[in-house]
PDB file of all heavy atoms in Angstrom:
ATOM      1  N   ASP A   1     -40.869  32.805 -84.350  1.00  0.00           N
ATOM      2  CA  ASP A   1     -40.095  31.883 -83.544  1.00  0.00           C
ATOM      3  C   ASP A   1     -39.571  32.546 -82.282  1.00  0.00           C
ATOM      4  O   ASP A   1     -38.627  33.253 -82.304  1.00  0.00           O
ATOM      5  CB  ASP A   1     -38.954  31.283 -84.377  1.00  0.00           C
ATOM      6  CG  ASP A   1     -38.098  30.266 -83.636  1.00  0.00           C
ATOM      7  OD1 ASP A   1     -38.571  29.902 -82.507  1.00  0.00           O
ATOM      8  OD2 ASP A   1     -37.124  29.794 -84.155  1.00  0.00           O
ATOM      9  N   ILE A   2     -40.203  32.268 -81.160  1.00  0.00           N
ATOM     10  CA  ILE A   2     -39.881  32.955 -79.942  1.00  0.00           C
ATOM     11  C   ILE A   2     -38.521  32.443 -79.519  1.00  0.00           C
ATOM     12  O   ILE A   2     -37.887  33.091 -78.593  1.00  0.00           O
ATOM     13  CB  ILE A   2     -40.953  32.657 -78.889  1.00  0.00           C
ATOM     14  CG1 ILE A   2     -40.859  33.624 -77.711  1.00  0.00           C
ATOM     15  CG2 ILE A   2     -40.931  31.213 -78.394  1.00  0.00           C
ATOM     16  CD1 ILE A   2     -42.000  33.559 -76.696  1.00  0.00           C
ATOM     17  N   GLY A   3     -38.011  31.302 -79.935  1.00  0.00           N
ATOM     18  CA  GLY A   3     -36.742  30.819 -79.528  1.00  0.00           C
ATOM     19  C   GLY A   3     -35.622  31.447 -80.227  1.00  0.00           C
ATOM     20  O   GLY A   3     -34.404  31.182 -79.904  1.00  0.00           O
ATOM     21  N   ASN A   4     -35.867  32.280 -81.224  1.00  0.00           N
ATOM     22  CA  ASN A   4     -34.758  32.878 -82.006  1.00  0.00           C
ATOM     23  C   ASN A   4     -34.312  34.271 -81.317  1.00  0.00           C
ATOM     24  O   ASN A   4     -35.156  35.062 -81.147  1.00  0.00           O
ATOM     25  CB  ASN A   4     -35.300  33.211 -83.372  1.00  0.00           C
ATOM     26  CG  ASN A   4     -34.194  33.708 -84.404  1.00  0.00           C
ATOM     27  OD1 ASN A   4     -33.190  34.324 -83.932  1.00  0.00           O
ATOM     28  ND2 ASN A   4     -34.359  33.459 -85.632  1.00  0.00           N
ATOM     29  N   PRO A   5     -33.041  34.355 -80.959  1.00  0.00           N
ATOM     30  CA  PRO A   5     -32.614  35.631 -80.333  1.00  0.00           C
ATOM     31  C   PRO A   5     -32.906  36.854 -81.034  1.00  0.00           C
ATOM     32  O   PRO A   5     -32.964  37.940 -80.457  1.00  0.00           O
ATOM     33  CB  PRO A   5     -31.113  35.395 -80.092  1.00  0.00           C
ATOM     34  CG  PRO A   5     -30.896  33.878 -80.211  1.00  0.00           C
ATOM     35  CD  PRO A   5     -31.939  33.366 -81.157  1.00  0.00           C
ATOM     36  N   PHE A   6     -33.008  36.773 -82.396  1.00  0.00           N
ATOM     37  CA  PHE A   6     -33.343  37.884 -83.182  1.00  0.00           C
ATOM     38  C   PHE A   6     -34.627  38.620 -82.713  1.00  0.00           C
ATOM     39  O   PHE A   6     -34.725  39.810 -82.595  1.00  0.00           O
ATOM     40  CB  PHE A   6     -33.569  37.474 -84.684  1.00  0.00           C
ATOM     41  CG  PHE A   6     -34.234  38.466 -85.573  1.00  0.00           C
ATOM     42  CD1 PHE A   6     -33.550  39.647 -85.962  1.00  0.00           C
ATOM     43  CD2 PHE A   6     -35.579  38.321 -85.867  1.00  0.00           C
ATOM     44  CE1 PHE A   6     -34.198  40.519 -86.788  1.00  0.00           C
ATOM     45  CE2 PHE A   6     -36.199  39.297 -86.715  1.00  0.00           C
ATOM     46  CZ  PHE A   6     -35.506  40.361 -87.171  1.00  0.00           C
ATOM     47  N   PHE A   7     -35.610  37.810 -82.246  1.00  0.00           N
ATOM     48  CA  PHE A   7     -36.864  38.325 -81.882  1.00  0.00           C
ATOM     49  C   PHE A   7     -36.838  38.913 -80.455  1.00  0.00           C
ATOM     50  O   PHE A   7     -37.740  39.691 -80.037  1.00  0.00           O
ATOM     51  CB  PHE A   7     -38.019  37.339 -82.014  1.00  0.00           C
ATOM     52  CG  PHE A   7     -38.356  37.074 -83.468  1.00  0.00           C
ATOM     53  CD1 PHE A   7     -38.090  35.938 -84.073  1.00  0.00           C
ATOM     54  CD2 PHE A   7     -39.057  38.043 -84.186  1.00  0.00           C
ATOM     55  CE1 PHE A   7     -38.394  35.646 -85.372  1.00  0.00           C
ATOM     56  CE2 PHE A   7     -39.409  37.788 -85.550  1.00  0.00           C
ATOM     57  CZ  PHE A   7     -39.131  36.606 -86.141  1.00  0.00           C
ATOM     58  N   THR A   8     -35.865  38.432 -79.664  1.00  0.00           N
ATOM     59  CA  THR A   8     -35.800  38.929 -78.259  1.00  0.00           C
ATOM     60  C   THR A   8     -35.583  40.388 -78.222  1.00  0.00           C
ATOM     61  O   THR A   8     -36.326  41.172 -77.540  1.00  0.00           O
ATOM     62  CB  THR A   8     -34.687  38.169 -77.502  1.00  0.00           C
ATOM     63  OG1 THR A   8     -34.893  36.753 -77.651  1.00  0.00           O
ATOM     64  CG2 THR A   8     -34.666  38.602 -76.095  1.00  0.00           C
ATOM     65  N   ALA A   9     -34.539  40.863 -78.948  1.00  0.00           N
ATOM     66  CA  ALA A   9     -34.309  42.305 -78.961  1.00  0.00           C
ATOM     67  C   ALA A   9     -35.399  43.093 -79.618  1.00  0.00           C
ATOM     68  O   ALA A   9     -35.689  44.177 -79.293  1.00  0.00           O
ATOM     69  CB  ALA A   9     -32.932  42.559 -79.578  1.00  0.00           C
ATOM     70  N   LEU A  10     -35.916  42.501 -80.720  1.00  0.00           N
ATOM     71  CA  LEU A  10     -37.010  43.201 -81.433  1.00  0.00           C
ATOM     72  C   LEU A  10     -38.226  43.398 -80.494  1.00  0.00           C
ATOM     73  O   LEU A  10     -38.710  44.545 -80.502  1.00  0.00           O
ATOM     74  CB  LEU A  10     -37.395  42.261 -82.625  1.00  0.00           C
ATOM     75  CG  LEU A  10     -38.368  42.902 -83.628  1.00  0.00           C
ATOM     76  CD1 LEU A  10     -38.174  42.241 -85.013  1.00  0.00           C
ATOM     77  CD2 LEU A  10     -39.823  42.652 -83.195  1.00  0.00           C
ATOM     78  N   VAL A  11     -38.635  42.395 -79.798  1.00  0.00           N
ATOM     79  CA  VAL A  11     -39.823  42.561 -78.850  1.00  0.00           C
ATOM     80  C   VAL A  11     -39.535  43.520 -77.818  1.00  0.00           C
ATOM     81  O   VAL A  11     -40.391  44.298 -77.355  1.00  0.00           O
ATOM     82  CB  VAL A  11     -40.269  41.231 -78.365  1.00  0.00           C
ATOM     83  CG1 VAL A  11     -41.297  41.393 -77.300  1.00  0.00           C
ATOM     84  CG2 VAL A  11     -40.781  40.342 -79.470  1.00  0.00           C
ATOM     85  N   ARG A  12     -38.285  43.603 -77.336  1.00  0.00           N
ATOM     86  CA  ARG A  12     -37.925  44.581 -76.305  1.00  0.00           C
ATOM     87  C   ARG A  12     -38.063  46.041 -76.850  1.00  0.00           C
ATOM     88  O   ARG A  12     -38.583  46.871 -76.138  1.00  0.00           O
ATOM     89  CB  ARG A  12     -36.404  44.398 -75.865  1.00  0.00           C
ATOM     90  CG  ARG A  12     -36.000  45.314 -74.749  1.00  0.00           C
ATOM     91  CD  ARG A  12     -36.855  45.248 -73.539  1.00  0.00           C
ATOM     92  NE  ARG A  12     -36.486  46.207 -72.457  1.00  0.00           N
ATOM     93  CZ  ARG A  12     -35.665  45.938 -71.453  1.00  0.00           C
ATOM     94  NH1 ARG A  12     -35.134  44.759 -71.404  1.00  0.00           N
ATOM     95  NH2 ARG A  12     -35.402  46.873 -70.647  1.00  0.00           N
ATOM     96  N   GLY A  13     -37.698  46.233 -78.065  1.00  0.00           N
ATOM     97  CA  GLY A  13     -37.861  47.571 -78.709  1.00  0.00           C
ATOM     98  C   GLY A  13     -39.359  47.895 -78.800  1.00  0.00           C
ATOM     99  O   GLY A  13     -39.725  49.086 -78.565  1.00  0.00           O
ATOM    100  N   VAL A  14     -40.209  46.971 -79.128  1.00  0.00           N
ATOM    101  CA  VAL A  14     -41.599  47.217 -79.152  1.00  0.00           C
ATOM    102  C   VAL A  14     -42.178  47.516 -77.792  1.00  0.00           C
ATOM    103  O   VAL A  14     -42.910  48.517 -77.651  1.00  0.00           O
ATOM    104  CB  VAL A  14     -42.354  45.904 -79.760  1.00  0.00           C
ATOM    105  CG1 VAL A  14     -43.889  46.047 -79.626  1.00  0.00           C
ATOM    106  CG2 VAL A  14     -41.963  45.672 -81.165  1.00  0.00           C
ATOM    107  N   GLU A  15     -41.727  46.732 -76.812  1.00  0.00           N
ATOM    108  CA  GLU A  15     -42.272  46.970 -75.507  1.00  0.00           C
ATOM    109  C   GLU A  15     -41.923  48.291 -74.889  1.00  0.00           C
ATOM    110  O   GLU A  15     -42.708  48.941 -74.257  1.00  0.00           O
ATOM    111  CB  GLU A  15     -41.834  45.795 -74.525  1.00  0.00           C
ATOM    112  CG  GLU A  15     -42.571  45.892 -73.194  1.00  0.00           C
ATOM    113  CD  GLU A  15     -41.937  44.883 -72.235  1.00  0.00           C
ATOM    114  OE1 GLU A  15     -40.758  44.642 -72.294  1.00  0.00           O
ATOM    115  OE2 GLU A  15     -42.808  44.388 -71.329  1.00  0.00           O
ATOM    116  N   ASP A  16     -40.664  48.721 -75.049  1.00  0.00           N
ATOM    117  CA  ASP A  16     -40.208  49.997 -74.539  1.00  0.00           C
ATOM    118  C   ASP A  16     -41.045  51.119 -75.044  1.00  0.00           C
ATOM    119  O   ASP A  16     -41.484  52.023 -74.344  1.00  0.00           O
ATOM    120  CB  ASP A  16     -38.765  50.167 -74.804  1.00  0.00           C
ATOM    121  CG  ASP A  16     -37.833  49.361 -73.921  1.00  0.00           C
ATOM    122  OD1 ASP A  16     -38.368  48.687 -73.002  1.00  0.00           O
ATOM    123  OD2 ASP A  16     -36.617  49.277 -74.208  1.00  0.00           O
ATOM    124  N   VAL A  17     -41.375  51.157 -76.393  1.00  0.00           N
ATOM    125  CA  VAL A  17     -42.110  52.208 -76.961  1.00  0.00           C
ATOM    126  C   VAL A  17     -43.579  52.045 -76.455  1.00  0.00           C
ATOM    127  O   VAL A  17     -44.227  53.066 -76.104  1.00  0.00           O
ATOM    128  CB  VAL A  17     -42.140  52.137 -78.547  1.00  0.00           C
ATOM    129  CG1 VAL A  17     -43.172  53.112 -79.121  1.00  0.00           C
ATOM    130  CG2 VAL A  17     -40.738  52.481 -78.997  1.00  0.00           C
ATOM    131  N   ALA A  18     -44.078  50.826 -76.332  1.00  0.00           N
ATOM    132  CA  ALA A  18     -45.457  50.623 -75.921  1.00  0.00           C
ATOM    133  C   ALA A  18     -45.683  51.193 -74.506  1.00  0.00           C
ATOM    134  O   ALA A  18     -46.670  51.874 -74.170  1.00  0.00           O
ATOM    135  CB  ALA A  18     -45.810  49.160 -75.968  1.00  0.00           C
ATOM    136  N   GLN A  19     -44.706  50.948 -73.574  1.00  0.00           N
ATOM    137  CA  GLN A  19     -44.784  51.378 -72.189  1.00  0.00           C
ATOM    138  C   GLN A  19     -44.814  52.935 -72.163  1.00  0.00           C
ATOM    139  O   GLN A  19     -45.524  53.547 -71.385  1.00  0.00           O
ATOM    140  CB  GLN A  19     -43.622  50.875 -71.457  1.00  0.00           C
ATOM    141  CG  GLN A  19     -43.771  49.360 -71.113  1.00  0.00           C
ATOM    142  CD  GLN A  19     -44.886  49.058 -70.165  1.00  0.00           C
ATOM    143  OE1 GLN A  19     -44.999  49.654 -69.118  1.00  0.00           O
ATOM    144  NE2 GLN A  19     -45.732  48.100 -70.539  1.00  0.00           N
ATOM    145  N   GLN A  20     -44.011  53.533 -73.069  1.00  0.00           N
ATOM    146  CA  GLN A  20     -43.956  55.024 -73.066  1.00  0.00           C
ATOM    147  C   GLN A  20     -45.213  55.628 -73.496  1.00  0.00           C
ATOM    148  O   GLN A  20     -45.592  56.807 -73.143  1.00  0.00           O
ATOM    149  CB  GLN A  20     -42.828  55.474 -73.977  1.00  0.00           C
ATOM    150  CG  GLN A  20     -41.393  55.083 -73.522  1.00  0.00           C
ATOM    151  CD  GLN A  20     -40.376  55.227 -74.648  1.00  0.00           C
ATOM    152  OE1 GLN A  20     -40.645  55.844 -75.747  1.00  0.00           O
ATOM    153  NE2 GLN A  20     -39.135  54.690 -74.440  1.00  0.00           N
ATOM    154  N   THR A  21     -46.024  54.917 -74.410  1.00  0.00           N
ATOM    155  CA  THR A  21     -47.182  55.472 -74.961  1.00  0.00           C
ATOM    156  C   THR A  21     -48.490  54.896 -74.325  1.00  0.00           C
ATOM    157  O   THR A  21     -49.607  55.089 -74.989  1.00  0.00           O
ATOM    158  CB  THR A  21     -47.171  55.206 -76.512  1.00  0.00           C
ATOM    159  OG1 THR A  21     -46.943  53.866 -76.733  1.00  0.00           O
ATOM    160  CG2 THR A  21     -46.118  56.038 -77.167  1.00  0.00           C
ATOM    161  N   GLY A  22     -48.386  54.185 -73.221  1.00  0.00           N
ATOM    162  CA  GLY A  22     -49.579  53.753 -72.558  1.00  0.00           C
ATOM    163  C   GLY A  22     -50.156  52.468 -72.941  1.00  0.00           C
ATOM    164  O   GLY A  22     -51.312  52.149 -72.672  1.00  0.00           O
ATOM    165  N   TYR A  23     -49.397  51.619 -73.739  1.00  0.00           N
ATOM    166  CA  TYR A  23     -49.894  50.392 -74.161  1.00  0.00           C
ATOM    167  C   TYR A  23     -49.167  49.201 -73.479  1.00  0.00           C
ATOM    168  O   TYR A  23     -48.003  49.371 -72.981  1.00  0.00           O
ATOM    169  CB  TYR A  23     -49.711  50.194 -75.707  1.00  0.00           C
ATOM    170  CG  TYR A  23     -50.571  51.129 -76.528  1.00  0.00           C
ATOM    171  CD1 TYR A  23     -50.106  52.351 -76.893  1.00  0.00           C
ATOM    172  CD2 TYR A  23     -51.987  50.772 -76.784  1.00  0.00           C
ATOM    173  CE1 TYR A  23     -50.888  53.203 -77.707  1.00  0.00           C
ATOM    174  CE2 TYR A  23     -52.707  51.660 -77.567  1.00  0.00           C
ATOM    175  CZ  TYR A  23     -52.221  52.855 -77.938  1.00  0.00           C
ATOM    176  OH  TYR A  23     -53.022  53.673 -78.691  1.00  0.00           O
ATOM    177  N   SER A  24     -49.809  48.089 -73.438  1.00  0.00           N
ATOM    178  CA  SER A  24     -49.185  46.775 -72.969  1.00  0.00           C
ATOM    179  C   SER A  24     -49.059  45.895 -74.160  1.00  0.00           C
ATOM    180  O   SER A  24     -49.759  46.055 -75.238  1.00  0.00           O
ATOM    181  CB  SER A  24     -50.047  46.142 -71.920  1.00  0.00           C
ATOM    182  OG  SER A  24     -50.204  46.989 -70.702  1.00  0.00           O
ATOM    183  N   VAL A  25     -48.144  44.928 -74.059  1.00  0.00           N
ATOM    184  CA  VAL A  25     -47.855  44.042 -75.171  1.00  0.00           C
ATOM    185  C   VAL A  25     -48.198  42.576 -74.848  1.00  0.00           C
ATOM    186  O   VAL A  25     -47.889  42.102 -73.796  1.00  0.00           O
ATOM    187  CB  VAL A  25     -46.318  44.087 -75.553  1.00  0.00           C
ATOM    188  CG1 VAL A  25     -45.977  43.079 -76.621  1.00  0.00           C
ATOM    189  CG2 VAL A  25     -46.046  45.554 -76.024  1.00  0.00           C
TER     190      VAL A  25
END
């Protein structure tokens, strides 16, 4: 559920690590 604020912070955590390691999300 993209409308749930729970997933907003979760995806941000994923993206930050992905950017550090050369991946896109």
